[in-house]
Structure formats: structure tokens, C-alpha cells
Amino acid sequence: MDNDHGHELAETICKLLYGQEVDTVIPVLAGILVNAAVSVCSDKEVFLGYMKQVISEAYAEVDHSDEPLQ
């Protein structure tokens, strides 16, 4: 997010989701994300590739070596 509106939106969403169970938050955010993607990206594979990249970059920034396998 390179603009103030994006940061403001992210802050608002974080405030609304603070304290919610992760089992609720992830499906809700996934649903919102998919609905937005369908309306702006007609190629599902392009969207999936983008999401895979973003997720991979986020995980690469965090050391998960001490977490149990699930």
C-alpha cells in the first residue's frame, strides 16, 4: 500500500478485528479478498500467483522454526 487511503483502510480493519478469534478473522478476510479479486481480476491464475507471492514473502520474514508441525 503506497497511499494514505490504503494505510487508513488497513488501520480501520485492524481495529475492527482486534480481539477476534483467528478462526473467524481468516475466513472473513479471505471472503472479502476473493470478492474484491473477482471484480478486478478476470484471470484466477494471475490472482493466485500474486497471492502466493505475497504469502511467501510474508512467511520468509518470520522464523517459524520453533513452531510445531500441524
PDB file of N, CA and C in Angstrom:
ATOM      1  N   MET A   1       0.846  -1.177   0.000  1.00  0.00           N
ATOM      2  CA  MET A   1       0.000   0.000   0.000  1.00  0.00           C
ATOM      3  C   MET A   1       0.888   1.236   0.000  1.00  0.00           C
ATOM      4  N   ASP A   2       0.764   1.988  -1.038  1.00  0.00           N
ATOM      5  CA  ASP A   2       1.623   3.140  -1.176  1.00  0.00           C
ATOM      6  C   ASP A   2       0.927   4.458  -0.879  1.00  0.00           C
ATOM      7  N   ASN A   3      -0.337   4.399  -0.537  1.00  0.00           N
ATOM      8  CA  ASN A   3      -1.031   5.671  -0.335  1.00  0.00           C
ATOM      9  C   ASN A   3      -1.665   5.742   1.048  1.00  0.00           C
ATOM     10  N   ASP A   4      -2.028   6.953   1.428  1.00  0.00           N
ATOM     11  CA  ASP A   4      -2.619   7.166   2.745  1.00  0.00           C
ATOM     12  C   ASP A   4      -3.953   6.458   2.908  1.00  0.00           C
ATOM     13  N   HIS A   5      -4.721   6.370   1.826  1.00  0.00           N
ATOM     14  CA  HIS A   5      -6.026   5.705   1.910  1.00  0.00           C
ATOM     15  C   HIS A   5      -5.852   4.225   2.223  1.00  0.00           C
ATOM     16  N   GLY A   6      -4.852   3.603   1.633  1.00  0.00           N
ATOM     17  CA  GLY A   6      -4.581   2.194   1.895  1.00  0.00           C
ATOM     18  C   GLY A   6      -4.183   1.960   3.339  1.00  0.00           C
ATOM     19  N   HIS A   7      -3.332   2.817   3.863  1.00  0.00           N
ATOM     20  CA  HIS A   7      -2.924   2.687   5.265  1.00  0.00           C
ATOM     21  C   HIS A   7      -4.093   2.942   6.213  1.00  0.00           C
ATOM     22  N   GLU A   8      -4.914   3.912   5.873  1.00  0.00           N
ATOM     23  CA  GLU A   8      -6.091   4.217   6.692  1.00  0.00           C
ATOM     24  C   GLU A   8      -7.059   3.036   6.698  1.00  0.00           C
ATOM     25  N   LEU A   9      -7.276   2.443   5.541  1.00  0.00           N
ATOM     26  CA  LEU A   9      -8.145   1.271   5.446  1.00  0.00           C
ATOM     27  C   LEU A   9      -7.588   0.114   6.264  1.00  0.00           C
ATOM     28  N   ALA A  10      -6.296  -0.128   6.142  1.00  0.00           N
ATOM     29  CA  ALA A  10      -5.660  -1.212   6.897  1.00  0.00           C
ATOM     30  C   ALA A  10      -5.798  -0.977   8.408  1.00  0.00           C
ATOM     31  N   GLU A  11      -5.579   0.242   8.851  1.00  0.00           N
ATOM     32  CA  GLU A  11      -5.726   0.578  10.275  1.00  0.00           C
ATOM     33  C   GLU A  11      -7.152   0.337  10.754  1.00  0.00           C
ATOM     34  N   THR A  12      -8.118   0.760   9.974  1.00  0.00           N
ATOM     35  CA  THR A  12      -9.525   0.586  10.335  1.00  0.00           C
ATOM     36  C   THR A  12      -9.878  -0.888  10.449  1.00  0.00           C
ATOM     37  N   ILE A  13      -9.437  -1.672   9.474  1.00  0.00           N
ATOM     38  CA  ILE A  13      -9.710  -3.111   9.509  1.00  0.00           C
ATOM     39  C   ILE A  13      -9.054  -3.758  10.729  1.00  0.00           C
ATOM     40  N   CYS A  14      -7.809  -3.398  10.998  1.00  0.00           N
ATOM     41  CA  CYS A  14      -7.110  -3.963  12.165  1.00  0.00           C
ATOM     42  C   CYS A  14      -7.834  -3.622  13.466  1.00  0.00           C
ATOM     43  N   LYS A  15      -8.319  -2.395  13.585  1.00  0.00           N
ATOM     44  CA  LYS A  15      -9.057  -2.002  14.787  1.00  0.00           C
ATOM     45  C   LYS A  15     -10.343  -2.813  14.932  1.00  0.00           C
ATOM     46  N   LEU A  16     -11.036  -3.035  13.818  1.00  0.00           N
ATOM     47  CA  LEU A  16     -12.287  -3.800  13.857  1.00  0.00           C
ATOM     48  C   LEU A  16     -12.044  -5.264  14.218  1.00  0.00           C
ATOM     49  N   LEU A  17     -10.910  -5.802  13.793  1.00  0.00           N
ATOM     50  CA  LEU A  17     -10.632  -7.216  14.005  1.00  0.00           C
ATOM     51  C   LEU A  17      -9.893  -7.510  15.308  1.00  0.00           C
ATOM     52  N   TYR A  18      -9.405  -6.464  15.973  1.00  0.00           N
ATOM     53  CA  TYR A  18      -8.640  -6.656  17.209  1.00  0.00           C
ATOM     54  C   TYR A  18      -9.464  -7.443  18.226  1.00  0.00           C
ATOM     55  N   GLY A  19      -8.871  -8.494  18.747  1.00  0.00           N
ATOM     56  CA  GLY A  19      -9.518  -9.302  19.773  1.00  0.00           C
ATOM     57  C   GLY A  19     -10.403 -10.418  19.233  1.00  0.00           C
ATOM     58  N   GLN A  20     -10.606 -10.454  17.934  1.00  0.00           N
ATOM     59  CA  GLN A  20     -11.431 -11.507  17.343  1.00  0.00           C
ATOM     60  C   GLN A  20     -10.619 -12.800  17.234  1.00  0.00           C
ATOM     61  N   GLU A  21     -11.301 -13.912  17.214  1.00  0.00           N
ATOM     62  CA  GLU A  21     -10.645 -15.207  17.065  1.00  0.00           C
ATOM     63  C   GLU A  21     -10.101 -15.340  15.643  1.00  0.00           C
ATOM     64  N   VAL A  22      -8.894 -15.891  15.526  1.00  0.00           N
ATOM     65  CA  VAL A  22      -8.273 -16.072  14.213  1.00  0.00           C
ATOM     66  C   VAL A  22      -9.116 -16.987  13.330  1.00  0.00           C
ATOM     67  N   ASP A  23      -9.832 -17.927  13.932  1.00  0.00           N
ATOM     68  CA  ASP A  23     -10.706 -18.818  13.163  1.00  0.00           C
ATOM     69  C   ASP A  23     -11.880 -18.076  12.536  1.00  0.00           C
ATOM     70  N   THR A  24     -12.170 -16.913  13.025  1.00  0.00           N
ATOM     71  CA  THR A  24     -13.205 -16.059  12.441  1.00  0.00           C
ATOM     72  C   THR A  24     -12.583 -15.084  11.450  1.00  0.00           C
ATOM     73  N   VAL A  25     -11.470 -14.494  11.825  1.00  0.00           N
ATOM     74  CA  VAL A  25     -10.834 -13.446  11.032  1.00  0.00           C
ATOM     75  C   VAL A  25     -10.388 -13.952   9.661  1.00  0.00           C
ATOM     76  N   ILE A  26      -9.704 -15.079   9.613  1.00  0.00           N
ATOM     77  CA  ILE A  26      -9.145 -15.541   8.341  1.00  0.00           C
ATOM     78  C   ILE A  26     -10.230 -15.836   7.309  1.00  0.00           C
ATOM     79  N   PRO A  27     -11.281 -16.580   7.638  1.00  0.00           N
ATOM     80  CA  PRO A  27     -12.321 -16.801   6.623  1.00  0.00           C
ATOM     81  C   PRO A  27     -13.019 -15.514   6.177  1.00  0.00           C
ATOM     82  N   VAL A  28     -13.230 -14.591   7.097  1.00  0.00           N
ATOM     83  CA  VAL A  28     -13.880 -13.324   6.734  1.00  0.00           C
ATOM     84  C   VAL A  28     -12.995 -12.532   5.777  1.00  0.00           C
ATOM     85  N   LEU A  29     -11.719 -12.395   6.122  1.00  0.00           N
ATOM     86  CA  LEU A  29     -10.812 -11.651   5.249  1.00  0.00           C
ATOM     87  C   LEU A  29     -10.625 -12.351   3.907  1.00  0.00           C
ATOM     88  N   ALA A  30     -10.550 -13.671   3.914  1.00  0.00           N
ATOM     89  CA  ALA A  30     -10.417 -14.415   2.661  1.00  0.00           C
ATOM     90  C   ALA A  30     -11.627 -14.175   1.769  1.00  0.00           C
ATOM     91  N   GLY A  31     -12.800 -14.190   2.340  1.00  0.00           N
ATOM     92  CA  GLY A  31     -14.018 -13.947   1.566  1.00  0.00           C
ATOM     93  C   GLY A  31     -14.049 -12.556   0.971  1.00  0.00           C
ATOM     94  N   ILE A  32     -13.673 -11.572   1.758  1.00  0.00           N
ATOM     95  CA  ILE A  32     -13.634 -10.189   1.264  1.00  0.00           C
ATOM     96  C   ILE A  32     -12.603 -10.064   0.149  1.00  0.00           C
ATOM     97  N   LEU A  33     -11.437 -10.645   0.347  1.00  0.00           N
ATOM     98  CA  LEU A  33     -10.376 -10.589  -0.645  1.00  0.00           C
ATOM     99  C   LEU A  33     -10.789 -11.239  -1.962  1.00  0.00           C
ATOM    100  N   VAL A  34     -11.388 -12.403  -1.876  1.00  0.00           N
ATOM    101  CA  VAL A  34     -11.818 -13.108  -3.090  1.00  0.00           C
ATOM    102  C   VAL A  34     -12.899 -12.324  -3.825  1.00  0.00           C
ATOM    103  N   ASN A  35     -13.858 -11.783  -3.106  1.00  0.00           N
ATOM    104  CA  ASN A  35     -14.904 -10.988  -3.757  1.00  0.00           C
ATOM    105  C   ASN A  35     -14.316  -9.775  -4.463  1.00  0.00           C
ATOM    106  N   ALA A  36     -13.345  -9.125  -3.831  1.00  0.00           N
ATOM    107  CA  ALA A  36     -12.701  -7.979  -4.464  1.00  0.00           C
ATOM    108  C   ALA A  36     -11.912  -8.421  -5.694  1.00  0.00           C
ATOM    109  N   ALA A  37     -11.204  -9.534  -5.579  1.00  0.00           N
ATOM    110  CA  ALA A  37     -10.382 -10.017  -6.695  1.00  0.00           C
ATOM    111  C   ALA A  37     -11.230 -10.392  -7.904  1.00  0.00           C
ATOM    112  N   VAL A  38     -12.339 -11.046  -7.672  1.00  0.00           N
ATOM    113  CA  VAL A  38     -13.212 -11.459  -8.778  1.00  0.00           C
ATOM    114  C   VAL A  38     -13.691 -10.236  -9.564  1.00  0.00           C
ATOM    115  N   SER A  39     -13.900  -9.136  -8.872  1.00  0.00           N
ATOM    116  CA  SER A  39     -14.416  -7.953  -9.562  1.00  0.00           C
ATOM    117  C   SER A  39     -13.337  -7.185 -10.327  1.00  0.00           C
ATOM    118  N   VAL A  40     -12.052  -7.411 -10.016  1.00  0.00           N
ATOM    119  CA  VAL A  40     -10.995  -6.641 -10.694  1.00  0.00           C
ATOM    120  C   VAL A  40     -10.024  -7.492 -11.499  1.00  0.00           C
ATOM    121  N   CYS A  41     -10.034  -8.803 -11.303  1.00  0.00           N
ATOM    122  CA  CYS A  41      -9.075  -9.667 -11.994  1.00  0.00           C
ATOM    123  C   CYS A  41      -9.812 -10.860 -12.590  1.00  0.00           C
ATOM    124  N   SER A  42      -9.924 -10.887 -13.905  1.00  0.00           N
ATOM    125  CA  SER A  42     -10.677 -11.967 -14.550  1.00  0.00           C
ATOM    126  C   SER A  42      -9.898 -13.272 -14.631  1.00  0.00           C
ATOM    127  N   ASP A  43      -8.590 -13.230 -14.434  1.00  0.00           N
ATOM    128  CA  ASP A  43      -7.758 -14.425 -14.529  1.00  0.00           C
ATOM    129  C   ASP A  43      -7.428 -14.949 -13.134  1.00  0.00           C
ATOM    130  N   LYS A  44      -8.071 -16.034 -12.759  1.00  0.00           N
ATOM    131  CA  LYS A  44      -7.885 -16.604 -11.423  1.00  0.00           C
ATOM    132  C   LYS A  44      -6.426 -16.975 -11.173  1.00  0.00           C
ATOM    133  N   GLU A  45      -5.736 -17.491 -12.185  1.00  0.00           N
ATOM    134  CA  GLU A  45      -4.340 -17.907 -12.010  1.00  0.00           C
ATOM    135  C   GLU A  45      -3.426 -16.714 -11.717  1.00  0.00           C
ATOM    136  N   VAL A  46      -3.708 -15.576 -12.313  1.00  0.00           N
ATOM    137  CA  VAL A  46      -2.936 -14.363 -12.025  1.00  0.00           C
ATOM    138  C   VAL A  46      -3.128 -13.973 -10.561  1.00  0.00           C
ATOM    139  N   PHE A  47      -4.368 -13.990 -10.113  1.00  0.00           N
ATOM    140  CA  PHE A  47      -4.665 -13.665  -8.713  1.00  0.00           C
ATOM    141  C   PHE A  47      -3.988 -14.645  -7.766  1.00  0.00           C
ATOM    142  N   LEU A  48      -4.095 -15.947  -8.051  1.00  0.00           N
ATOM    143  CA  LEU A  48      -3.470 -16.962  -7.192  1.00  0.00           C
ATOM    144  C   LEU A  48      -1.950 -16.804  -7.158  1.00  0.00           C
ATOM    145  N   GLY A  49      -1.353 -16.494  -8.306  1.00  0.00           N
ATOM    146  CA  GLY A  49       0.093 -16.273  -8.346  1.00  0.00           C
ATOM    147  C   GLY A  49       0.502 -15.088  -7.494  1.00  0.00           C
ATOM    148  N   TYR A  50      -0.275 -14.016  -7.583  1.00  0.00           N
ATOM    149  CA  TYR A  50       0.005 -12.833  -6.769  1.00  0.00           C
ATOM    150  C   TYR A  50      -0.099 -13.166  -5.283  1.00  0.00           C
ATOM    151  N   MET A  51      -1.166 -13.853  -4.907  1.00  0.00           N
ATOM    152  CA  MET A  51      -1.365 -14.195  -3.500  1.00  0.00           C
ATOM    153  C   MET A  51      -0.252 -15.120  -2.996  1.00  0.00           C
ATOM    154  N   LYS A  52       0.152 -16.077  -3.816  1.00  0.00           N
ATOM    155  CA  LYS A  52       1.238 -16.978  -3.424  1.00  0.00           C
ATOM    156  C   LYS A  52       2.515 -16.184  -3.163  1.00  0.00           C
ATOM    157  N   GLN A  53       2.800 -15.215  -4.021  1.00  0.00           N
ATOM    158  CA  GLN A  53       3.985 -14.382  -3.845  1.00  0.00           C
ATOM    159  C   GLN A  53       3.914 -13.577  -2.546  1.00  0.00           C
ATOM    160  N   VAL A  54       2.780 -12.935  -2.303  1.00  0.00           N
ATOM    161  CA  VAL A  54       2.614 -12.111  -1.097  1.00  0.00           C
ATOM    162  C   VAL A  54       2.739 -12.970   0.157  1.00  0.00           C
ATOM    163  N   ILE A  55       2.103 -14.130   0.148  1.00  0.00           N
ATOM    164  CA  ILE A  55       2.157 -15.035   1.303  1.00  0.00           C
ATOM    165  C   ILE A  55       3.580 -15.540   1.517  1.00  0.00           C
ATOM    166  N   SER A  56       4.250 -15.929   0.449  1.00  0.00           N
ATOM    167  CA  SER A  56       5.629 -16.423   0.555  1.00  0.00           C
ATOM    168  C   SER A  56       6.555 -15.363   1.125  1.00  0.00           C
ATOM    169  N   GLU A  57       6.399 -14.127   0.675  1.00  0.00           N
ATOM    170  CA  GLU A  57       7.229 -13.042   1.192  1.00  0.00           C
ATOM    171  C   GLU A  57       6.965 -12.792   2.676  1.00  0.00           C
ATOM    172  N   ALA A  58       5.708 -12.861   3.081  1.00  0.00           N
ATOM    173  CA  ALA A  58       5.370 -12.643   4.499  1.00  0.00           C
ATOM    174  C   ALA A  58       5.955 -13.747   5.370  1.00  0.00           C
ATOM    175  N   TYR A  59       5.841 -14.998   4.921  1.00  0.00           N
ATOM    176  CA  TYR A  59       6.391 -16.112   5.690  1.00  0.00           C
ATOM    177  C   TYR A  59       7.911 -16.069   5.730  1.00  0.00           C
ATOM    178  N   ALA A  60       8.547 -15.607   4.669  1.00  0.00           N
ATOM    179  CA  ALA A  60      10.003 -15.524   4.627  1.00  0.00           C
ATOM    180  C   ALA A  60      10.540 -14.526   5.654  1.00  0.00           C
ATOM    181  N   GLU A  61       9.719 -13.561   6.029  1.00  0.00           N
ATOM    182  CA  GLU A  61      10.132 -12.549   7.002  1.00  0.00           C
ATOM    183  C   GLU A  61      10.028 -13.031   8.441  1.00  0.00           C
ATOM    184  N   VAL A  62       9.400 -14.195   8.656  1.00  0.00           N
ATOM    185  CA  VAL A  62       9.163 -14.695  10.010  1.00  0.00           C
ATOM    186  C   VAL A  62       9.835 -16.052  10.168  1.00  0.00           C
ATOM    187  N   ASP A  63      10.509 -16.243  11.286  1.00  0.00           N
ATOM    188  CA  ASP A  63      11.145 -17.527  11.575  1.00  0.00           C
ATOM    189  C   ASP A  63      10.134 -18.430  12.266  1.00  0.00           C
ATOM    190  N   HIS A  64       9.736 -19.507  11.594  1.00  0.00           N
ATOM    191  CA  HIS A  64       8.761 -20.448  12.134  1.00  0.00           C
ATOM    192  C   HIS A  64       9.416 -21.744  12.605  1.00  0.00           C
ATOM    193  N   SER A  65      10.729 -21.743  12.755  1.00  0.00           N
ATOM    194  CA  SER A  65      11.454 -22.982  13.040  1.00  0.00           C
ATOM    195  C   SER A  65      11.106 -23.596  14.379  1.00  0.00           C
ATOM    196  N   ASP A  66      10.626 -22.809  15.320  1.00  0.00           N
ATOM    197  CA  ASP A  66      10.318 -23.352  16.641  1.00  0.00           C
ATOM    198  C   ASP A  66       8.848 -23.726  16.805  1.00  0.00           C
ATOM    199  N   GLU A  67       8.057 -23.603  15.746  1.00  0.00           N
ATOM    200  CA  GLU A  67       6.643 -23.915  15.833  1.00  0.00           C
ATOM    201  C   GLU A  67       6.407 -25.383  15.485  1.00  0.00           C
ATOM    202  N   PRO A  68       5.453 -26.027  16.157  1.00  0.00           N
ATOM    203  CA  PRO A  68       5.169 -27.444  15.854  1.00  0.00           C
ATOM    204  C   PRO A  68       4.538 -27.586  14.480  1.00  0.00           C
ATOM    205  N   LEU A  69       4.776 -28.724  13.842  1.00  0.00           N
ATOM    206  CA  LEU A  69       4.121 -29.010  12.562  1.00  0.00           C
ATOM    207  C   LEU A  69       2.666 -29.289  12.833  1.00  0.00           C
ATOM    208  N   GLN A  70       1.805 -28.844  11.938  1.00  0.00           N
ATOM    209  CA  GLN A  70       0.368 -29.062  12.123  1.00  0.00           C
ATOM    210  C   GLN A  70      -0.164 -29.962  11.056  1.00  0.00           C
TER     211      GLN A  70
END
